[in-house]
């Protein structure tokens, strides 16, 4: 069975199901929404963007780790 799946992948016929494609598209919204929330928090409490720059870095790193983890899981489950 695994040999059959690897042959299908090597021929280029393998595609992700539509549900996984939608979830991957929504995954890109996570850092945008978190950055928007952080920006609104900074504005509400009177901080400048330069004072909150480290928060944006943390959000982007956190989102990259989540994206990498989901990418790894997707790759592992489709072997």
C-alpha atoms as a PDB file:
ATOM      1  CA  UNK A   1       0.000   0.000   0.000  1.00  0.00           C
ATOM      2  CA  UNK A   2       2.787   2.450   0.871  1.00  0.00           C
ATOM      3  CA  UNK A   3       4.530   1.672  -2.400  1.00  0.00           C
ATOM      4  CA  UNK A   4       1.321   2.465  -4.292  1.00  0.00           C
ATOM      5  CA  UNK A   5       0.958   5.798  -2.495  1.00  0.00           C
ATOM      6  CA  UNK A   6       4.572   6.748  -3.171  1.00  0.00           C
ATOM      7  CA  UNK A   7       4.117   5.894  -6.851  1.00  0.00           C
ATOM      8  CA  UNK A   8       1.037   8.109  -7.053  1.00  0.00           C
ATOM      9  CA  UNK A   9       2.924  10.968  -5.410  1.00  0.00           C
ATOM     10  CA  UNK A  10       5.909  10.558  -7.722  1.00  0.00           C
ATOM     11  CA  UNK A  11       3.646  10.714 -10.788  1.00  0.00           C
ATOM     12  CA  UNK A  12       2.209  14.017  -9.580  1.00  0.00           C
ATOM     13  CA  UNK A  13      -1.389  12.824  -9.292  1.00  0.00           C
ATOM     14  CA  UNK A  14      -1.633  13.364  -5.560  1.00  0.00           C
ATOM     15  CA  UNK A  15      -3.594  16.421  -4.433  1.00  0.00           C
ATOM     16  CA  UNK A  16      -4.699  17.642  -1.048  1.00  0.00           C
ATOM     17  CA  UNK A  17      -8.391  17.276  -0.219  1.00  0.00           C
ATOM     18  CA  UNK A  18     -10.407  20.497  -0.414  1.00  0.00           C
ATOM     19  CA  UNK A  19     -10.909  20.606   3.375  1.00  0.00           C
ATOM     20  CA  UNK A  20      -7.147  20.690   4.000  1.00  0.00           C
ATOM     21  CA  UNK A  21      -6.631  23.400   1.409  1.00  0.00           C
ATOM     22  CA  UNK A  22      -9.240  25.600   3.122  1.00  0.00           C
ATOM     23  CA  UNK A  23      -7.605  25.020   6.508  1.00  0.00           C
ATOM     24  CA  UNK A  24      -4.196  25.936   5.101  1.00  0.00           C
ATOM     25  CA  UNK A  25      -5.628  29.137   3.663  1.00  0.00           C
ATOM     26  CA  UNK A  26      -7.171  30.023   7.023  1.00  0.00           C
ATOM     27  CA  UNK A  27      -3.851  29.345   8.747  1.00  0.00           C
ATOM     28  CA  UNK A  28      -2.448  32.510   7.166  1.00  0.00           C
ATOM     29  CA  UNK A  29      -5.110  34.556   8.950  1.00  0.00           C
ATOM     30  CA  UNK A  30      -3.795  33.630  12.403  1.00  0.00           C
ATOM     31  CA  UNK A  31      -0.788  36.006  12.428  1.00  0.00           C
ATOM     32  CA  UNK A  32      -2.811  38.783  10.782  1.00  0.00           C
ATOM     33  CA  UNK A  33      -5.562  38.561  13.397  1.00  0.00           C
ATOM     34  CA  UNK A  34      -3.090  38.330  16.279  1.00  0.00           C
ATOM     35  CA  UNK A  35      -1.148  41.345  14.975  1.00  0.00           C
ATOM     36  CA  UNK A  36      -4.380  43.307  14.615  1.00  0.00           C
ATOM     37  CA  UNK A  37      -5.366  42.481  18.193  1.00  0.00           C
ATOM     38  CA  UNK A  38      -1.885  43.466  19.424  1.00  0.00           C
ATOM     39  CA  UNK A  39      -2.044  46.728  17.455  1.00  0.00           C
ATOM     40  CA  UNK A  40      -5.452  47.565  18.935  1.00  0.00           C
ATOM     41  CA  UNK A  41      -4.136  46.770  22.427  1.00  0.00           C
ATOM     42  CA  UNK A  42      -1.176  49.101  21.905  1.00  0.00           C
ATOM     43  CA  UNK A  43      -3.387  51.926  20.626  1.00  0.00           C
ATOM     44  CA  UNK A  44      -5.905  51.489  23.447  1.00  0.00           C
ATOM     45  CA  UNK A  45      -3.218  51.695  26.141  1.00  0.00           C
ATOM     46  CA  UNK A  46      -1.301  54.575  24.540  1.00  0.00           C
ATOM     47  CA  UNK A  47       1.830  52.696  23.465  1.00  0.00           C
ATOM     48  CA  UNK A  48       3.663  53.404  20.230  1.00  0.00           C
ATOM     49  CA  UNK A  49       4.345  50.799  17.571  1.00  0.00           C
ATOM     50  CA  UNK A  50       8.059  50.916  18.338  1.00  0.00           C
ATOM     51  CA  UNK A  51       7.324  50.079  21.976  1.00  0.00           C
ATOM     52  CA  UNK A  52       5.251  47.073  20.906  1.00  0.00           C
ATOM     53  CA  UNK A  53       7.636  45.846  18.209  1.00  0.00           C
ATOM     54  CA  UNK A  54       8.795  42.896  20.330  1.00  0.00           C
ATOM     55  CA  UNK A  55       5.182  41.704  20.617  1.00  0.00           C
ATOM     56  CA  UNK A  56       4.871  41.591  16.832  1.00  0.00           C
ATOM     57  CA  UNK A  57       8.086  39.552  16.645  1.00  0.00           C
ATOM     58  CA  UNK A  58       6.726  37.089  19.235  1.00  0.00           C
ATOM     59  CA  UNK A  59       3.460  36.773  17.305  1.00  0.00           C
ATOM     60  CA  UNK A  60       5.270  36.057  14.028  1.00  0.00           C
ATOM     61  CA  UNK A  61       7.581  33.497  15.658  1.00  0.00           C
ATOM     62  CA  UNK A  62       4.639  31.799  17.386  1.00  0.00           C
ATOM     63  CA  UNK A  63       2.700  31.676  14.114  1.00  0.00           C
ATOM     64  CA  UNK A  64       5.708  30.289  12.236  1.00  0.00           C
ATOM     65  CA  UNK A  65       6.070  27.513  14.822  1.00  0.00           C
ATOM     66  CA  UNK A  66       2.376  26.643  14.527  1.00  0.00           C
ATOM     67  CA  UNK A  67       2.600  26.669  10.725  1.00  0.00           C
ATOM     68  CA  UNK A  68       5.705  24.498  10.770  1.00  0.00           C
ATOM     69  CA  UNK A  69       4.072  22.033  13.141  1.00  0.00           C
ATOM     70  CA  UNK A  70       0.973  21.726  10.964  1.00  0.00           C
ATOM     71  CA  UNK A  71       3.112  21.378   7.849  1.00  0.00           C
ATOM     72  CA  UNK A  72       5.070  18.582   9.508  1.00  0.00           C
ATOM     73  CA  UNK A  73       1.869  16.818  10.533  1.00  0.00           C
ATOM     74  CA  UNK A  74       0.444  17.152   7.039  1.00  0.00           C
ATOM     75  CA  UNK A  75       3.628  15.758   5.525  1.00  0.00           C
ATOM     76  CA  UNK A  76       3.806  12.873   8.022  1.00  0.00           C
ATOM     77  CA  UNK A  77       0.205  11.815   7.559  1.00  0.00           C
ATOM     78  CA  UNK A  78       0.425  11.751   3.760  1.00  0.00           C
ATOM     79  CA  UNK A  79       3.402   9.436   3.392  1.00  0.00           C
END
